[in-house]
Full PDB file with SEQRES, HELIX, SHEET, SSBOND, CRYST1, ORIGX, SCALE, CONECT and MASTER records, all heavy atoms in Angstrom:
SEQRES   1 A   44  VAL ILE GLY HIS ILE GLY ARG ILE SER ASN ALA ASP ASN          
SEQRES   2 A   44  ASP MET LEU ALA ARG THR GLU ARG THR SER ASP TYR ALA          
SEQRES   3 A   44  GLY SER THR HIS ILE GLY LYS LEU GLY LEU GLU GLN SER          
SEQRES   4 A   44  TYR GLU THR GLN LEU                                          
HELIX    1 AA1 ASN A   10  ARG A   18  1                                   9    
HELIX    2 AA2 THR A   22  TYR A   25  5                                   4    
HELIX    3 AA3 GLY A   35  SER A   39  1                                   5    
SHEET    1 AA1 2 HIS A   4  ARG A   7  0                                        
SHEET    2 AA1 2 HIS A  30  LEU A  34 -1                                        
CRYST1    1.000    1.000    1.000  90.00  90.00  90.00 P 1           1          
ORIGX1      1.000000  0.000000  0.000000        0.00000                         
ORIGX2      0.000000  1.000000  0.000000        0.00000                         
ORIGX3      0.000000  0.000000  1.000000        0.00000                         
SCALE1      1.000000  0.000000  0.000000        0.00000                         
SCALE2      0.000000  1.000000  0.000000        0.00000                         
SCALE3      0.000000  0.000000  1.000000        0.00000                         
ATOM      1  N   VAL A   1       0.843  -1.201   0.000  1.00  0.00           N  
ATOM      2  CA  VAL A   1       0.000   0.000   0.000  1.00  0.00           C  
ATOM      3  C   VAL A   1       0.875   1.247   0.000  1.00  0.00           C  
ATOM      4  O   VAL A   1       0.725   2.137  -0.842  1.00  0.00           O  
ATOM      5  CB  VAL A   1      -0.922   0.028   1.233  1.00  0.00           C  
ATOM      6  CG1 VAL A   1      -1.660   1.352   1.316  1.00  0.00           C  
ATOM      7  CG2 VAL A   1      -1.910  -1.117   1.181  1.00  0.00           C  
ATOM      8  N   ILE A   2       1.782   1.328   0.955  1.00  0.00           N  
ATOM      9  CA  ILE A   2       2.611   2.519   1.114  1.00  0.00           C  
ATOM     10  C   ILE A   2       3.582   2.673  -0.048  1.00  0.00           C  
ATOM     11  O   ILE A   2       3.810   3.771  -0.542  1.00  0.00           O  
ATOM     12  CB  ILE A   2       3.369   2.457   2.456  1.00  0.00           C  
ATOM     13  CG1 ILE A   2       2.366   2.440   3.611  1.00  0.00           C  
ATOM     14  CG2 ILE A   2       4.329   3.631   2.591  1.00  0.00           C  
ATOM     15  CD1 ILE A   2       2.977   2.105   4.954  1.00  0.00           C  
ATOM     16  N   GLY A   3       4.140   1.565  -0.511  1.00  0.00           N  
ATOM     17  CA  GLY A   3       5.122   1.624  -1.584  1.00  0.00           C  
ATOM     18  C   GLY A   3       6.462   2.095  -1.063  1.00  0.00           C  
ATOM     19  O   GLY A   3       6.788   1.933   0.116  1.00  0.00           O  
ATOM     20  N   HIS A   4       7.236   2.740  -1.905  1.00  0.00           N  
ATOM     21  CA  HIS A   4       8.533   3.256  -1.468  1.00  0.00           C  
ATOM     22  C   HIS A   4       9.022   4.305  -2.455  1.00  0.00           C  
ATOM     23  O   HIS A   4       8.522   4.424  -3.576  1.00  0.00           O  
ATOM     24  CB  HIS A   4       9.562   2.126  -1.354  1.00  0.00           C  
ATOM     25  CG  HIS A   4       9.815   1.386  -2.641  1.00  0.00           C  
ATOM     26  ND1 HIS A   4      10.618   1.890  -3.646  1.00  0.00           N  
ATOM     27  CD2 HIS A   4       9.365   0.194  -3.099  1.00  0.00           C  
ATOM     28  CE1 HIS A   4      10.657   1.029  -4.654  1.00  0.00           C  
ATOM     29  NE2 HIS A   4       9.891  -0.008  -4.351  1.00  0.00           N  
ATOM     30  N   ILE A   5      10.010   5.088  -2.014  1.00  0.00           N  
ATOM     31  CA  ILE A   5      10.683   6.009  -2.915  1.00  0.00           C  
ATOM     32  C   ILE A   5      11.976   5.356  -3.386  1.00  0.00           C  
ATOM     33  O   ILE A   5      12.409   4.339  -2.853  1.00  0.00           O  
ATOM     34  CB  ILE A   5      10.982   7.367  -2.242  1.00  0.00           C  
ATOM     35  CG1 ILE A   5      11.939   7.178  -1.063  1.00  0.00           C  
ATOM     36  CG2 ILE A   5       9.699   8.034  -1.800  1.00  0.00           C  
ATOM     37  CD1 ILE A   5      12.460   8.489  -0.484  1.00  0.00           C  
ATOM     38  N   GLY A   6      12.597   5.946  -4.388  1.00  0.00           N  
ATOM     39  CA  GLY A   6      13.870   5.455  -4.894  1.00  0.00           C  
ATOM     40  C   GLY A   6      14.597   6.578  -5.596  1.00  0.00           C  
ATOM     41  O   GLY A   6      14.047   7.671  -5.826  1.00  0.00           O  
ATOM     42  N   ARG A   7      15.851   6.351  -5.924  1.00  0.00           N  
ATOM     43  CA  ARG A   7      16.643   7.368  -6.602  1.00  0.00           C  
ATOM     44  C   ARG A   7      16.029   7.726  -7.950  1.00  0.00           C  
ATOM     45  O   ARG A   7      15.512   6.861  -8.665  1.00  0.00           O  
ATOM     46  CB  ARG A   7      18.069   6.868  -6.807  1.00  0.00           C  
ATOM     47  CG  ARG A   7      18.873   6.746  -5.524  1.00  0.00           C  
ATOM     48  CD  ARG A   7      20.231   6.154  -5.816  1.00  0.00           C  
ATOM     49  NE  ARG A   7      20.994   5.974  -4.592  1.00  0.00           N  
ATOM     50  CZ  ARG A   7      22.100   5.239  -4.497  1.00  0.00           C  
ATOM     51  NH1 ARG A   7      22.543   4.622  -5.572  1.00  0.00           N  
ATOM     52  NH2 ARG A   7      22.733   5.136  -3.355  1.00  0.00           N  
ATOM     53  N   ILE A   8      16.102   8.993  -8.270  1.00  0.00           N  
ATOM     54  CA  ILE A   8      15.572   9.467  -9.551  1.00  0.00           C  
ATOM     55  C   ILE A   8      16.430   8.913 -10.682  1.00  0.00           C  
ATOM     56  O   ILE A   8      17.648   9.101 -10.705  1.00  0.00           O  
ATOM     57  CB  ILE A   8      15.563  11.010  -9.596  1.00  0.00           C  
ATOM     58  CG1 ILE A   8      14.599  11.550  -8.535  1.00  0.00           C  
ATOM     59  CG2 ILE A   8      15.170  11.518 -10.972  1.00  0.00           C  
ATOM     60  CD1 ILE A   8      14.600  13.068  -8.410  1.00  0.00           C  
ATOM     61  N   SER A   9      15.798   8.211 -11.592  1.00  0.00           N  
ATOM     62  CA  SER A   9      16.493   7.586 -12.722  1.00  0.00           C  
ATOM     63  C   SER A   9      16.385   8.467 -13.963  1.00  0.00           C  
ATOM     64  O   SER A   9      15.680   9.483 -13.975  1.00  0.00           O  
ATOM     65  CB  SER A   9      15.884   6.220 -13.013  1.00  0.00           C  
ATOM     66  OG  SER A   9      14.541   6.369 -13.460  1.00  0.00           O  
ATOM     67  N   ASN A  10      17.077   8.054 -15.020  1.00  0.00           N  
ATOM     68  CA  ASN A  10      16.965   8.779 -16.289  1.00  0.00           C  
ATOM     69  C   ASN A  10      15.524   8.768 -16.799  1.00  0.00           C  
ATOM     70  O   ASN A  10      15.048   9.757 -17.360  1.00  0.00           O  
ATOM     71  CB  ASN A  10      17.902   8.168 -17.326  1.00  0.00           C  
ATOM     72  CG  ASN A  10      19.357   8.479 -17.020  1.00  0.00           C  
ATOM     73  OD1 ASN A  10      19.650   9.435 -16.312  1.00  0.00           O  
ATOM     74  ND2 ASN A  10      20.263   7.672 -17.537  1.00  0.00           N  
ATOM     75  N   ALA A  11      14.850   7.641 -16.607  1.00  0.00           N  
ATOM     76  CA  ALA A  11      13.441   7.557 -17.029  1.00  0.00           C  
ATOM     77  C   ALA A  11      12.582   8.537 -16.240  1.00  0.00           C  
ATOM     78  O   ALA A  11      11.670   9.169 -16.788  1.00  0.00           O  
ATOM     79  CB  ALA A  11      12.929   6.127 -16.855  1.00  0.00           C  
ATOM     80  N   ASP A  12      12.874   8.672 -14.933  1.00  0.00           N  
ATOM     81  CA  ASP A  12      12.139   9.638 -14.116  1.00  0.00           C  
ATOM     82  C   ASP A  12      12.409  11.056 -14.602  1.00  0.00           C  
ATOM     83  O   ASP A  12      11.492  11.893 -14.675  1.00  0.00           O  
ATOM     84  CB  ASP A  12      12.540   9.513 -12.645  1.00  0.00           C  
ATOM     85  CG  ASP A  12      12.111   8.199 -12.023  1.00  0.00           C  
ATOM     86  OD1 ASP A  12      11.024   7.717 -12.367  1.00  0.00           O  
ATOM     87  OD2 ASP A  12      12.867   7.662 -11.193  1.00  0.00           O  
ATOM     88  N   ASN A  13      13.662  11.346 -14.924  1.00  0.00           N  
ATOM     89  CA  ASN A  13      13.995  12.681 -15.436  1.00  0.00           C  
ATOM     90  C   ASN A  13      13.254  12.977 -16.735  1.00  0.00           C  
ATOM     91  O   ASN A  13      12.787  14.102 -16.952  1.00  0.00           O  
ATOM     92  CB  ASN A  13      15.505  12.791 -15.654  1.00  0.00           C  
ATOM     93  CG  ASN A  13      16.254  13.043 -14.353  1.00  0.00           C  
ATOM     94  OD1 ASN A  13      15.757  13.738 -13.474  1.00  0.00           O  
ATOM     95  ND2 ASN A  13      17.449  12.472 -14.239  1.00  0.00           N  
ATOM     96  N   ASP A  14      13.140  11.972 -17.588  1.00  0.00           N  
ATOM     97  CA  ASP A  14      12.394  12.161 -18.840  1.00  0.00           C  
ATOM     98  C   ASP A  14      10.927  12.459 -18.552  1.00  0.00           C  
ATOM     99  O   ASP A  14      10.316  13.326 -19.199  1.00  0.00           O  
ATOM    100  CB  ASP A  14      12.513  10.911 -19.715  1.00  0.00           C  
ATOM    101  CG  ASP A  14      13.929  10.701 -20.253  1.00  0.00           C  
ATOM    102  OD1 ASP A  14      14.716  11.672 -20.241  1.00  0.00           O  
ATOM    103  OD2 ASP A  14      14.240   9.562 -20.664  1.00  0.00           O  
ATOM    104  N   MET A  15      10.358  11.743 -17.576  1.00  0.00           N  
ATOM    105  CA  MET A  15       8.963  11.962 -17.202  1.00  0.00           C  
ATOM    106  C   MET A  15       8.768  13.362 -16.634  1.00  0.00           C  
ATOM    107  O   MET A  15       7.808  14.062 -16.964  1.00  0.00           O  
ATOM    108  CB  MET A  15       8.524  10.909 -16.187  1.00  0.00           C  
ATOM    109  CG  MET A  15       7.083  11.034 -15.701  1.00  0.00           C  
ATOM    110  SD  MET A  15       6.892  12.166 -14.273  1.00  0.00           S  
ATOM    111  CE  MET A  15       7.815  11.260 -13.025  1.00  0.00           C  
ATOM    112  N   LEU A  16       9.693  13.810 -15.797  1.00  0.00           N  
ATOM    113  CA  LEU A  16       9.601  15.148 -15.210  1.00  0.00           C  
ATOM    114  C   LEU A  16       9.710  16.222 -16.282  1.00  0.00           C  
ATOM    115  O   LEU A  16       9.018  17.251 -16.220  1.00  0.00           O  
ATOM    116  CB  LEU A  16      10.695  15.333 -14.158  1.00  0.00           C  
ATOM    117  CG  LEU A  16      10.561  14.485 -12.883  1.00  0.00           C  
ATOM    118  CD1 LEU A  16      11.794  14.644 -12.002  1.00  0.00           C  
ATOM    119  CD2 LEU A  16       9.306  14.858 -12.110  1.00  0.00           C  
ATOM    120  N   ALA A  17      10.561  15.969 -17.289  1.00  0.00           N  
ATOM    121  CA  ALA A  17      10.695  16.934 -18.376  1.00  0.00           C  
ATOM    122  C   ALA A  17       9.413  17.013 -19.200  1.00  0.00           C  
ATOM    123  O   ALA A  17       8.956  18.098 -19.567  1.00  0.00           O  
ATOM    124  CB  ALA A  17      11.882  16.561 -19.265  1.00  0.00           C  
ATOM    125  N   ARG A  18       8.800  15.833 -19.464  1.00  0.00           N  
ATOM    126  CA  ARG A  18       7.556  15.809 -20.252  1.00  0.00           C  
ATOM    127  C   ARG A  18       6.428  16.527 -19.539  1.00  0.00           C  
ATOM    128  O   ARG A  18       5.591  17.166 -20.166  1.00  0.00           O  
ATOM    129  CB  ARG A  18       7.141  14.358 -20.539  1.00  0.00           C  
ATOM    130  CG  ARG A  18       7.996  13.648 -21.570  1.00  0.00           C  
ATOM    131  CD  ARG A  18       7.294  12.374 -22.049  1.00  0.00           C  
ATOM    132  NE  ARG A  18       6.889  11.516 -20.952  1.00  0.00           N  
ATOM    133  CZ  ARG A  18       7.647  10.559 -20.424  1.00  0.00           C  
ATOM    134  NH1 ARG A  18       8.877  10.356 -20.905  1.00  0.00           N  
ATOM    135  NH2 ARG A  18       7.208   9.808 -19.437  1.00  0.00           N  
ATOM    136  N   THR A  19       6.404  16.420 -18.229  1.00  0.00           N  
ATOM    137  CA  THR A  19       5.317  17.026 -17.444  1.00  0.00           C  
ATOM    138  C   THR A  19       5.693  18.409 -16.912  1.00  0.00           C  
ATOM    139  O   THR A  19       4.960  18.973 -16.100  1.00  0.00           O  
ATOM    140  CB  THR A  19       4.926  16.113 -16.269  1.00  0.00           C  
ATOM    141  OG1 THR A  19       6.089  15.833 -15.468  1.00  0.00           O  
ATOM    142  CG2 THR A  19       4.341  14.801 -16.770  1.00  0.00           C  
ATOM    143  N   GLU A  20       6.854  18.930 -17.361  1.00  0.00           N  
ATOM    144  CA  GLU A  20       7.325  20.270 -16.986  1.00  0.00           C  
ATOM    145  C   GLU A  20       7.413  20.438 -15.468  1.00  0.00           C  
ATOM    146  O   GLU A  20       7.004  21.465 -14.904  1.00  0.00           O  
ATOM    147  CB  GLU A  20       6.408  21.345 -17.599  1.00  0.00           C  
ATOM    148  CG  GLU A  20       6.365  21.306 -19.135  1.00  0.00           C  
ATOM    149  CD  GLU A  20       5.473  22.387 -19.715  1.00  0.00           C  
ATOM    150  OE1 GLU A  20       4.717  23.017 -18.945  1.00  0.00           O  
ATOM    151  OE2 GLU A  20       5.554  22.607 -20.933  1.00  0.00           O  
ATOM    152  N   ARG A  21       7.963  19.420 -14.809  1.00  0.00           N  
ATOM    153  CA  ARG A  21       8.111  19.460 -13.352  1.00  0.00           C  
ATOM    154  C   ARG A  21       9.563  19.369 -12.917  1.00  0.00           C  
ATOM    155  O   ARG A  21       9.861  19.194 -11.731  1.00  0.00           O  
ATOM    156  CB  ARG A  21       7.306  18.317 -12.717  1.00  0.00           C  
ATOM    157  CG  ARG A  21       5.798  18.433 -12.905  1.00  0.00           C  
ATOM    158  CD  ARG A  21       5.104  17.111 -12.660  1.00  0.00           C  
ATOM    159  NE  ARG A  21       5.394  16.557 -11.351  1.00  0.00           N  
ATOM    160  CZ  ARG A  21       5.313  15.261 -11.055  1.00  0.00           C  
ATOM    161  NH1 ARG A  21       4.965  14.387 -11.986  1.00  0.00           N  
ATOM    162  NH2 ARG A  21       5.574  14.826  -9.849  1.00  0.00           N  
ATOM    163  N   THR A  22      10.499  19.461 -13.869  1.00  0.00           N  
ATOM    164  CA  THR A  22      11.911  19.308 -13.538  1.00  0.00           C  
ATOM    165  C   THR A  22      12.352  20.299 -12.470  1.00  0.00           C  
ATOM    166  O   THR A  22      13.111  19.956 -11.551  1.00  0.00           O  
ATOM    167  CB  THR A  22      12.780  19.468 -14.795  1.00  0.00           C  
ATOM    168  OG1 THR A  22      12.395  18.474 -15.751  1.00  0.00           O  
ATOM    169  CG2 THR A  22      14.252  19.312 -14.474  1.00  0.00           C  
ATOM    170  N   SER A  23      11.881  21.541 -12.563  1.00  0.00           N  
ATOM    171  CA  SER A  23      12.317  22.574 -11.611  1.00  0.00           C  
ATOM    172  C   SER A  23      11.906  22.242 -10.180  1.00  0.00           C  
ATOM    173  O   SER A  23      12.587  22.638  -9.221  1.00  0.00           O  
ATOM    174  CB  SER A  23      11.747  23.936 -12.007  1.00  0.00           C  
ATOM    175  OG  SER A  23      10.322  23.913 -12.004  1.00  0.00           O  
ATOM    176  N   ASP A  24      10.804  21.519 -10.024  1.00  0.00           N  
ATOM    177  CA  ASP A  24      10.356  21.149  -8.680  1.00  0.00           C  
ATOM    178  C   ASP A  24      11.283  20.128  -8.020  1.00  0.00           C  
ATOM    179  O   ASP A  24      11.183  19.896  -6.815  1.00  0.00           O  
ATOM    180  CB  ASP A  24       8.933  20.569  -8.725  1.00  0.00           C  
ATOM    181  CG  ASP A  24       7.892  21.627  -9.043  1.00  0.00           C  
ATOM    182  OD1 ASP A  24       8.160  22.811  -8.769  1.00  0.00           O  
ATOM    183  OD2 ASP A  24       6.826  21.272  -9.583  1.00  0.00           O  
ATOM    184  N   TYR A  25      12.156  19.517  -8.808  1.00  0.00           N  
ATOM    185  CA  TYR A  25      13.039  18.476  -8.285  1.00  0.00           C  
ATOM    186  C   TYR A  25      14.499  18.916  -8.275  1.00  0.00           C  
ATOM    187  O   TYR A  25      15.392  18.088  -8.163  1.00  0.00           O  
ATOM    188  CB  TYR A  25      12.860  17.174  -9.081  1.00  0.00           C  
ATOM    189  CG  TYR A  25      11.570  16.475  -8.738  1.00  0.00           C  
ATOM    190  CD1 TYR A  25      10.363  16.907  -9.259  1.00  0.00           C  
ATOM    191  CD2 TYR A  25      11.552  15.414  -7.839  1.00  0.00           C  
ATOM    192  CE1 TYR A  25       9.161  16.294  -8.921  1.00  0.00           C  
ATOM    193  CE2 TYR A  25      10.357  14.790  -7.487  1.00  0.00           C  
ATOM    194  CZ  TYR A  25       9.174  15.234  -8.030  1.00  0.00           C  
ATOM    195  OH  TYR A  25       7.991  14.630  -7.682  1.00  0.00           O  
ATOM    196  N   ALA A  26      14.729  20.233  -8.417  1.00  0.00           N  
ATOM    197  CA  ALA A  26      16.090  20.748  -8.321  1.00  0.00           C  
ATOM    198  C   ALA A  26      16.653  20.422  -6.940  1.00  0.00           C  
ATOM    199  O   ALA A  26      16.081  20.789  -5.920  1.00  0.00           O  
ATOM    200  CB  ALA A  26      16.099  22.253  -8.562  1.00  0.00           C  
ATOM    201  N   GLY A  27      17.760  19.718  -6.928  1.00  0.00           N  
ATOM    202  CA  GLY A  27      18.351  19.322  -5.657  1.00  0.00           C  
ATOM    203  C   GLY A  27      17.761  18.062  -5.068  1.00  0.00           C  
ATOM    204  O   GLY A  27      18.273  17.542  -4.073  1.00  0.00           O  
ATOM    205  N   SER A  28      16.669  17.539  -5.628  1.00  0.00           N  
ATOM    206  CA  SER A  28      16.058  16.302  -5.121  1.00  0.00           C  
ATOM    207  C   SER A  28      16.804  15.088  -5.676  1.00  0.00           C  
ATOM    208  O   SER A  28      17.316  15.108  -6.794  1.00  0.00           O  
ATOM    209  CB  SER A  28      14.586  16.218  -5.531  1.00  0.00           C  
ATOM    210  OG  SER A  28      13.845  17.266  -4.956  1.00  0.00           O  
ATOM    211  N   THR A  29      16.837  14.057  -4.902  1.00  0.00           N  
ATOM    212  CA  THR A  29      17.510  12.826  -5.318  1.00  0.00           C  
ATOM    213  C   THR A  29      16.555  11.647  -5.445  1.00  0.00           C  
ATOM    214  O   THR A  29      16.896  10.644  -6.059  1.00  0.00           O  
ATOM    215  CB  THR A  29      18.609  12.456  -4.306  1.00  0.00           C  
ATOM    216  OG1 THR A  29      18.008  12.301  -3.000  1.00  0.00           O  
ATOM    217  CG2 THR A  29      19.682  13.527  -4.247  1.00  0.00           C  
ATOM    218  N   HIS A  30      15.338  11.752  -4.845  1.00  0.00           N  
ATOM    219  CA  HIS A  30      14.432  10.608  -4.786  1.00  0.00           C  
ATOM    220  C   HIS A  30      13.033  10.994  -5.262  1.00  0.00           C  
ATOM    221  O   HIS A  30      12.641  12.157  -5.230  1.00  0.00           O  
ATOM    222  CB  HIS A  30      14.355  10.053  -3.358  1.00  0.00           C  
ATOM    223  CG  HIS A  30      15.595   9.321  -2.931  1.00  0.00           C  
ATOM    224  ND1 HIS A  30      16.810   9.948  -2.797  1.00  0.00           N  
ATOM    225  CD2 HIS A  30      15.803   8.013  -2.612  1.00  0.00           C  
ATOM    226  CE1 HIS A  30      17.714   9.067  -2.410  1.00  0.00           C  
ATOM    227  NE2 HIS A  30      17.128   7.888  -2.292  1.00  0.00           N  
ATOM    228  N   ILE A  31      12.293   9.953  -5.662  1.00  0.00           N  
ATOM    229  CA  ILE A  31      10.932  10.142  -6.157  1.00  0.00           C  
ATOM    230  C   ILE A  31      10.119   8.895  -5.837  1.00  0.00           C  
ATOM    231  O   ILE A  31      10.684   7.799  -5.656  1.00  0.00           O  
ATOM    232  CB  ILE A  31      10.947  10.401  -7.683  1.00  0.00           C  
ATOM    233  CG1 ILE A  31       9.613  10.971  -8.179  1.00  0.00           C  
ATOM    234  CG2 ILE A  31      11.318   9.141  -8.459  1.00  0.00           C  
ATOM    235  CD1 ILE A  31       9.659  11.484  -9.609  1.00  0.00           C  
ATOM    236  N   GLY A  32       8.797   9.026  -5.732  1.00  0.00           N  
ATOM    237  CA  GLY A  32       7.935   7.877  -5.435  1.00  0.00           C  
ATOM    238  C   GLY A  32       7.966   6.851  -6.554  1.00  0.00           C  
ATOM    239  O   GLY A  32       7.824   7.200  -7.727  1.00  0.00           O  
ATOM    240  N   LYS A  33       8.157   5.589  -6.186  1.00  0.00           N  
ATOM    241  CA  LYS A  33       8.297   4.528  -7.184  1.00  0.00           C  
ATOM    242  C   LYS A  33       7.150   3.525  -7.172  1.00  0.00           C  
ATOM    243  O   LYS A  33       6.934   2.809  -8.149  1.00  0.00           O  
ATOM    244  CB  LYS A  33       9.607   3.753  -6.937  1.00  0.00           C  
ATOM    245  CG  LYS A  33      10.873   4.584  -7.070  1.00  0.00           C  
ATOM    246  CD  LYS A  33      11.247   4.792  -8.518  1.00  0.00           C  
ATOM    247  CE  LYS A  33      12.619   5.413  -8.644  1.00  0.00           C  
ATOM    248  NZ  LYS A  33      13.050   5.557 -10.039  1.00  0.00           N  
ATOM    249  N   LEU A  34       6.441   3.415  -6.065  1.00  0.00           N  
ATOM    250  CA  LEU A  34       5.434   2.356  -5.928  1.00  0.00           C  
ATOM    251  C   LEU A  34       4.385   2.788  -4.916  1.00  0.00           C  
ATOM    252  O   LEU A  34       4.647   3.598  -4.037  1.00  0.00           O  
ATOM    253  CB  LEU A  34       6.125   1.062  -5.464  1.00  0.00           C  
ATOM    254  CG  LEU A  34       5.341  -0.248  -5.562  1.00  0.00           C  
ATOM    255  CD1 LEU A  34       5.257  -0.692  -7.022  1.00  0.00           C  
ATOM    256  CD2 LEU A  34       6.040  -1.351  -4.752  1.00  0.00           C  
ATOM    257  N   GLY A  35       3.169   2.246  -5.041  1.00  0.00           N  
ATOM    258  CA  GLY A  35       2.128   2.451  -4.057  1.00  0.00           C  
ATOM    259  C   GLY A  35       1.724   3.911  -3.916  1.00  0.00           C  
ATOM    260  O   GLY A  35       1.776   4.697  -4.861  1.00  0.00           O  
ATOM    261  N   LEU A  36       1.309   4.277  -2.691  1.00  0.00           N  
ATOM    262  CA  LEU A  36       0.885   5.648  -2.440  1.00  0.00           C  
ATOM    263  C   LEU A  36       2.030   6.636  -2.614  1.00  0.00           C  
ATOM    264  O   LEU A  36       1.800   7.806  -2.930  1.00  0.00           O  
ATOM    265  CB  LEU A  36       0.307   5.766  -1.026  1.00  0.00           C  
ATOM    266  CG  LEU A  36      -1.005   5.012  -0.782  1.00  0.00           C  
ATOM    267  CD1 LEU A  36      -1.370   5.057   0.700  1.00  0.00           C  
ATOM    268  CD2 LEU A  36      -2.142   5.588  -1.619  1.00  0.00           C  
ATOM    269  N   GLU A  37       3.247   6.189  -2.381  1.00  0.00           N  
ATOM    270  CA  GLU A  37       4.401   7.054  -2.629  1.00  0.00           C  
ATOM    271  C   GLU A  37       4.418   7.525  -4.087  1.00  0.00           C  
ATOM    272  O   GLU A  37       4.816   8.656  -4.373  1.00  0.00           O  
ATOM    273  CB  GLU A  37       5.706   6.316  -2.312  1.00  0.00           C  
ATOM    274  CG  GLU A  37       5.971   6.097  -0.844  1.00  0.00           C  
ATOM    275  CD  GLU A  37       6.623   7.303  -0.172  1.00  0.00           C  
ATOM    276  OE1 GLU A  37       6.438   8.424  -0.655  1.00  0.00           O  
ATOM    277  OE2 GLU A  37       7.306   7.094   0.848  1.00  0.00           O  
ATOM    278  N   GLN A  38       3.974   6.659  -4.988  1.00  0.00           N  
ATOM    279  CA  GLN A  38       3.947   7.016  -6.400  1.00  0.00           C  
ATOM    280  C   GLN A  38       2.682   7.808  -6.749  1.00  0.00           C  
ATOM    281  O   GLN A  38       2.759   8.856  -7.392  1.00  0.00           O  
ATOM    282  CB  GLN A  38       4.027   5.758  -7.270  1.00  0.00           C  
ATOM    283  CG  GLN A  38       4.006   6.046  -8.762  1.00  0.00           C  
ATOM    284  CD  GLN A  38       4.051   4.778  -9.603  1.00  0.00           C  
ATOM    285  OE1 GLN A  38       4.241   3.673  -9.087  1.00  0.00           O  
ATOM    286  NE2 GLN A  38       3.869   4.911 -10.902  1.00  0.00           N  
ATOM    287  N   SER A  39       1.512   7.310  -6.332  1.00  0.00           N  
ATOM    288  CA  SER A  39       0.267   7.950  -6.765  1.00  0.00           C  
ATOM    289  C   SER A  39       0.058   9.321  -6.126  1.00  0.00           C  
ATOM    290  O   SER A  39      -0.630  10.171  -6.691  1.00  0.00           O  
ATOM    291  CB  SER A  39      -0.934   7.034  -6.487  1.00  0.00           C  
ATOM    292  OG  SER A  39      -1.006   6.678  -5.131  1.00  0.00           O  
ATOM    293  N   TYR A  40       0.658   9.564  -4.946  1.00  0.00           N  
ATOM    294  CA  TYR A  40       0.537  10.867  -4.294  1.00  0.00           C  
ATOM    295  C   TYR A  40       1.880  11.601  -4.252  1.00  0.00           C  
ATOM    296  O   TYR A  40       2.099  12.454  -3.397  1.00  0.00           O  
ATOM    297  CB  TYR A  40      -0.032  10.703  -2.883  1.00  0.00           C  
ATOM    298  CG  TYR A  40      -1.518  10.430  -2.872  1.00  0.00           C  
ATOM    299  CD1 TYR A  40      -2.003   9.134  -3.004  1.00  0.00           C  
ATOM    300  CD2 TYR A  40      -2.441  11.463  -2.764  1.00  0.00           C  
ATOM    301  CE1 TYR A  40      -3.368   8.865  -3.033  1.00  0.00           C  
ATOM    302  CE2 TYR A  40      -3.809  11.213  -2.777  1.00  0.00           C  
ATOM    303  CZ  TYR A  40      -4.266   9.906  -2.906  1.00  0.00           C  
ATOM    304  OH  TYR A  40      -5.617   9.658  -2.924  1.00  0.00           O  
ATOM    305  N   GLU A  41       2.764  11.290  -5.186  1.00  0.00           N  
ATOM    306  CA  GLU A  41       4.082  11.912  -5.235  1.00  0.00           C  
ATOM    307  C   GLU A  41       4.001  13.434  -5.303  1.00  0.00           C  
ATOM    308  O   GLU A  41       4.720  14.148  -4.595  1.00  0.00           O  
ATOM    309  CB  GLU A  41       4.862  11.369  -6.439  1.00  0.00           C  
ATOM    310  CG  GLU A  41       6.099  12.155  -6.827  1.00  0.00           C  
ATOM    311  CD  GLU A  41       7.197  12.117  -5.783  1.00  0.00           C  
ATOM    312  OE1 GLU A  41       7.230  11.161  -4.975  1.00  0.00           O  
ATOM    313  OE2 GLU A  41       8.024  13.044  -5.768  1.00  0.00           O  
ATOM    314  N   THR A  42       3.132  13.963  -6.157  1.00  0.00           N  
ATOM    315  CA  THR A  42       3.030  15.411  -6.321  1.00  0.00           C  
ATOM    316  C   THR A  42       2.642  16.097  -5.015  1.00  0.00           C  
ATOM    317  O   THR A  42       3.226  17.116  -4.628  1.00  0.00           O  
ATOM    318  CB  THR A  42       1.998  15.758  -7.409  1.00  0.00           C  
ATOM    319  OG1 THR A  42       2.389  15.143  -8.638  1.00  0.00           O  
ATOM    320  CG2 THR A  42       1.893  17.252  -7.610  1.00  0.00           C  
ATOM    321  N   GLN A  43       1.671  15.552  -4.317  1.00  0.00           N  
ATOM    322  CA  GLN A  43       1.212  16.160  -3.066  1.00  0.00           C  
ATOM    323  C   GLN A  43       2.259  16.011  -1.961  1.00  0.00           C  
ATOM    324  O   GLN A  43       2.439  16.909  -1.134  1.00  0.00           O  
ATOM    325  CB  GLN A  43      -0.104  15.524  -2.613  1.00  0.00           C  
ATOM    326  CG  GLN A  43      -1.279  15.800  -3.536  1.00  0.00           C  
ATOM    327  CD  GLN A  43      -1.397  14.774  -4.650  1.00  0.00           C  
ATOM    328  OE1 GLN A  43      -0.434  14.089  -4.993  1.00  0.00           O  
ATOM    329  NE2 GLN A  43      -2.596  14.658  -5.216  1.00  0.00           N  
ATOM    330  N   LEU A  44       2.938  14.873  -1.920  1.00  0.00           N  
ATOM    331  CA  LEU A  44       3.925  14.620  -0.874  1.00  0.00           C  
ATOM    332  C   LEU A  44       5.211  15.419  -1.085  1.00  0.00           C  
ATOM    333  O   LEU A  44       5.891  15.790  -0.125  1.00  0.00           O  
ATOM    334  CB  LEU A  44       4.266  13.126  -0.821  1.00  0.00           C  
ATOM    335  CG  LEU A  44       3.168  12.187  -0.311  1.00  0.00           C  
ATOM    336  CD1 LEU A  44       3.514  10.743  -0.631  1.00  0.00           C  
ATOM    337  CD2 LEU A  44       2.976  12.365   1.196  1.00  0.00           C  
TER     338      LEU A  44                                                      
MASTER        0    0    0    3    2    0    0    6  337    1    0    4          
END                                                                             
């Protein structure tokens, strides 16, 4: 249910670029990968 976060990968960077959210992750190293960590990543 909870899922987990993980290091931002190249695929994640591509996704952030497509959704114009790269600036929100300046200095960030991790992102939601599974479960609620993933589905509520933006809010968290």
